[in-house]
Amino acid sequence: MINTNVIIPTYNAVELLKECVNSISKHTDEEYEIIVVDNGSDDGTYEYCCKERITMISLPWQQTFITACNNGLKLSSGENLVIIDGKNNCEAPLAYRYA
């Protein structure tokens, strides 16, 4: 069972999203699921998420950060929820940063 859901809202920042996902993977040992909420990007975000098998919500146009987060929360099932702006990296294990 996935214990932690990591929600990453993003808009036209696929390269930063890749860095963010890699950073989470590098610094997190516990079971987690990433949920990307794409705000209508046209930069390859959809293709990247499909290739990497990342759970994704694709919104038809850019919405507010809060709206994107709320859409991601609807798919969440873990006990722990983490929201990370797709333009940031995770520099410590999620369990330690958000415990």
C-alpha atoms as a PDB file:
ATOM      1  CA  MET A   1       0.000   0.000   0.000  1.00  0.00           C
ATOM      2  CA  ILE A   2       1.260   3.446  -0.900  1.00  0.00           C
ATOM      3  CA  ASN A   3       1.644   5.485   2.268  1.00  0.00           C
ATOM      4  CA  THR A   4       2.588   8.848   0.739  1.00  0.00           C
ATOM      5  CA  ASN A   5       1.190  10.717  -2.246  1.00  0.00           C
ATOM      6  CA  VAL A   6       3.345  13.463  -3.724  1.00  0.00           C
ATOM      7  CA  ILE A   7       1.314  15.981  -5.704  1.00  0.00           C
ATOM      8  CA  ILE A   8       3.222  18.101  -8.207  1.00  0.00           C
ATOM      9  CA  PRO A   9       1.286  20.844 -10.015  1.00  0.00           C
ATOM     10  CA  THR A  10       3.126  22.030 -13.142  1.00  0.00           C
ATOM     11  CA  TYR A  11       2.748  24.238 -16.204  1.00  0.00           C
ATOM     12  CA  ASN A  12       5.152  24.210 -19.158  1.00  0.00           C
ATOM     13  CA  ALA A  13       8.139  23.213 -17.034  1.00  0.00           C
ATOM     14  CA  VAL A  14       8.896  19.642 -18.131  1.00  0.00           C
ATOM     15  CA  GLU A  15      12.663  19.954 -17.583  1.00  0.00           C
ATOM     16  CA  LEU A  16      12.149  21.220 -14.038  1.00  0.00           C
ATOM     17  CA  LEU A  17       9.556  18.492 -13.472  1.00  0.00           C
ATOM     18  CA  LYS A  18      12.113  15.867 -14.520  1.00  0.00           C
ATOM     19  CA  GLU A  19      14.612  17.286 -12.017  1.00  0.00           C
ATOM     20  CA  CYS A  20      11.951  17.332  -9.294  1.00  0.00           C
ATOM     21  CA  VAL A  21      10.908  13.704  -9.930  1.00  0.00           C
ATOM     22  CA  ASN A  22      14.551  12.573 -10.024  1.00  0.00           C
ATOM     23  CA  SER A  23      15.256  14.439  -6.796  1.00  0.00           C
ATOM     24  CA  ILE A  24      12.302  12.789  -5.034  1.00  0.00           C
ATOM     25  CA  SER A  25      13.458   9.380  -6.228  1.00  0.00           C
ATOM     26  CA  LYS A  26      17.028  10.022  -5.115  1.00  0.00           C
ATOM     27  CA  HIS A  27      16.155  11.253  -1.625  1.00  0.00           C
ATOM     28  CA  THR A  28      13.163   9.095  -0.685  1.00  0.00           C
ATOM     29  CA  ASP A  29      13.315   5.459   0.412  1.00  0.00           C
ATOM     30  CA  GLU A  30       9.722   4.974   1.537  1.00  0.00           C
ATOM     31  CA  GLU A  31       6.885   3.893  -0.762  1.00  0.00           C
ATOM     32  CA  TYR A  32       5.302   6.849  -2.548  1.00  0.00           C
ATOM     33  CA  GLU A  33       3.218   7.716  -5.568  1.00  0.00           C
ATOM     34  CA  ILE A  34       3.724  10.879  -7.584  1.00  0.00           C
ATOM     35  CA  ILE A  35       0.636  12.582  -8.978  1.00  0.00           C
ATOM     36  CA  VAL A  36       1.426  15.275 -11.540  1.00  0.00           C
ATOM     37  CA  VAL A  37      -1.283  17.840 -12.195  1.00  0.00           C
ATOM     38  CA  ASP A  38      -0.574  19.381 -15.574  1.00  0.00           C
ATOM     39  CA  ASN A  39      -2.153  22.790 -16.122  1.00  0.00           C
ATOM     40  CA  GLY A  40      -2.505  22.564 -19.899  1.00  0.00           C
ATOM     41  CA  SER A  41       1.198  22.380 -20.790  1.00  0.00           C
ATOM     42  CA  ASP A  42       2.337  22.019 -24.386  1.00  0.00           C
ATOM     43  CA  ASP A  43       6.009  21.279 -23.667  1.00  0.00           C
ATOM     44  CA  GLY A  44       6.022  17.476 -23.518  1.00  0.00           C
ATOM     45  CA  THR A  45       4.864  17.092 -19.910  1.00  0.00           C
ATOM     46  CA  TYR A  46       2.137  14.637 -20.927  1.00  0.00           C
ATOM     47  CA  GLU A  47       4.559  12.524 -22.955  1.00  0.00           C
ATOM     48  CA  TYR A  48       7.131  12.506 -20.126  1.00  0.00           C
ATOM     49  CA  CYS A  49       4.575  11.377 -17.534  1.00  0.00           C
ATOM     50  CA  CYS A  50       3.302   8.635 -19.849  1.00  0.00           C
ATOM     51  CA  LYS A  51       6.837   7.426 -20.581  1.00  0.00           C
ATOM     52  CA  GLU A  52       7.740   7.347 -16.876  1.00  0.00           C
ATOM     53  CA  ARG A  53       4.349   5.867 -15.910  1.00  0.00           C
ATOM     54  CA  ILE A  54       3.633   8.741 -13.543  1.00  0.00           C
ATOM     55  CA  THR A  55       0.021   9.194 -12.488  1.00  0.00           C
ATOM     56  CA  MET A  56      -1.190  12.403 -14.079  1.00  0.00           C
ATOM     57  CA  ILE A  57      -4.188  14.671 -14.345  1.00  0.00           C
ATOM     58  CA  SER A  58      -4.194  16.768 -17.504  1.00  0.00           C
ATOM     59  CA  LEU A  59      -6.235  19.947 -17.115  1.00  0.00           C
ATOM     60  CA  PRO A  60      -7.353  21.603 -20.365  1.00  0.00           C
ATOM     61  CA  TRP A  61      -6.077  25.080 -19.423  1.00  0.00           C
ATOM     62  CA  GLN A  62      -3.940  26.783 -16.796  1.00  0.00           C
ATOM     63  CA  GLN A  63      -5.702  27.018 -13.458  1.00  0.00           C
ATOM     64  CA  THR A  64      -4.609  28.339 -10.076  1.00  0.00           C
ATOM     65  CA  PHE A  65      -2.050  26.474  -7.978  1.00  0.00           C
ATOM     66  CA  ILE A  66      -4.722  25.728  -5.365  1.00  0.00           C
ATOM     67  CA  THR A  67      -7.139  24.339  -7.974  1.00  0.00           C
ATOM     68  CA  ALA A  68      -4.385  22.121  -9.374  1.00  0.00           C
ATOM     69  CA  CYS A  69      -3.546  20.884  -5.859  1.00  0.00           C
ATOM     70  CA  ASN A  70      -7.193  20.132  -5.108  1.00  0.00           C
ATOM     71  CA  ASN A  71      -7.456  18.084  -8.312  1.00  0.00           C
ATOM     72  CA  GLY A  72      -4.397  16.087  -7.227  1.00  0.00           C
ATOM     73  CA  LEU A  73      -5.825  15.558  -3.757  1.00  0.00           C
ATOM     74  CA  LYS A  74      -8.905  13.925  -5.309  1.00  0.00           C
ATOM     75  CA  LEU A  75      -6.685  11.077  -6.584  1.00  0.00           C
ATOM     76  CA  SER A  76      -4.739  10.703  -3.352  1.00  0.00           C
ATOM     77  CA  SER A  77      -5.195   7.659  -1.184  1.00  0.00           C
ATOM     78  CA  GLY A  78      -2.142   7.683   1.078  1.00  0.00           C
ATOM     79  CA  GLU A  79      -2.049   8.614   4.737  1.00  0.00           C
ATOM     80  CA  ASN A  80       0.548  11.297   4.030  1.00  0.00           C
ATOM     81  CA  LEU A  81       0.145  14.007   1.429  1.00  0.00           C
ATOM     82  CA  VAL A  82       2.980  16.146   0.142  1.00  0.00           C
ATOM     83  CA  ILE A  83       2.555  19.007  -2.304  1.00  0.00           C
ATOM     84  CA  ILE A  84       5.669  20.153  -4.131  1.00  0.00           C
ATOM     85  CA  ASP A  85       5.792  22.929  -6.689  1.00  0.00           C
ATOM     86  CA  GLY A  86       7.134  21.324  -9.869  1.00  0.00           C
ATOM     87  CA  LYS A  87       9.826  23.985 -10.049  1.00  0.00           C
ATOM     88  CA  ASN A  88      11.444  22.784  -6.816  1.00  0.00           C
ATOM     89  CA  ASN A  89      13.593  19.822  -5.852  1.00  0.00           C
ATOM     90  CA  CYS A  90      13.408  17.579  -2.819  1.00  0.00           C
ATOM     91  CA  GLU A  91      16.723  17.854  -0.992  1.00  0.00           C
ATOM     92  CA  ALA A  92      15.914  15.542   1.936  1.00  0.00           C
ATOM     93  CA  PRO A  93      13.840  12.396   2.351  1.00  0.00           C
ATOM     94  CA  LEU A  94      10.135  13.205   2.357  1.00  0.00           C
ATOM     95  CA  ALA A  95       9.653  11.370   5.646  1.00  0.00           C
ATOM     96  CA  TYR A  96      12.065  13.749   7.348  1.00  0.00           C
ATOM     97  CA  ARG A  97      10.955  16.959   5.667  1.00  0.00           C
ATOM     98  CA  TYR A  98       7.259  16.494   6.230  1.00  0.00           C
ATOM     99  CA  ALA A  99       6.988  14.361   9.352  1.00  0.00           C
END
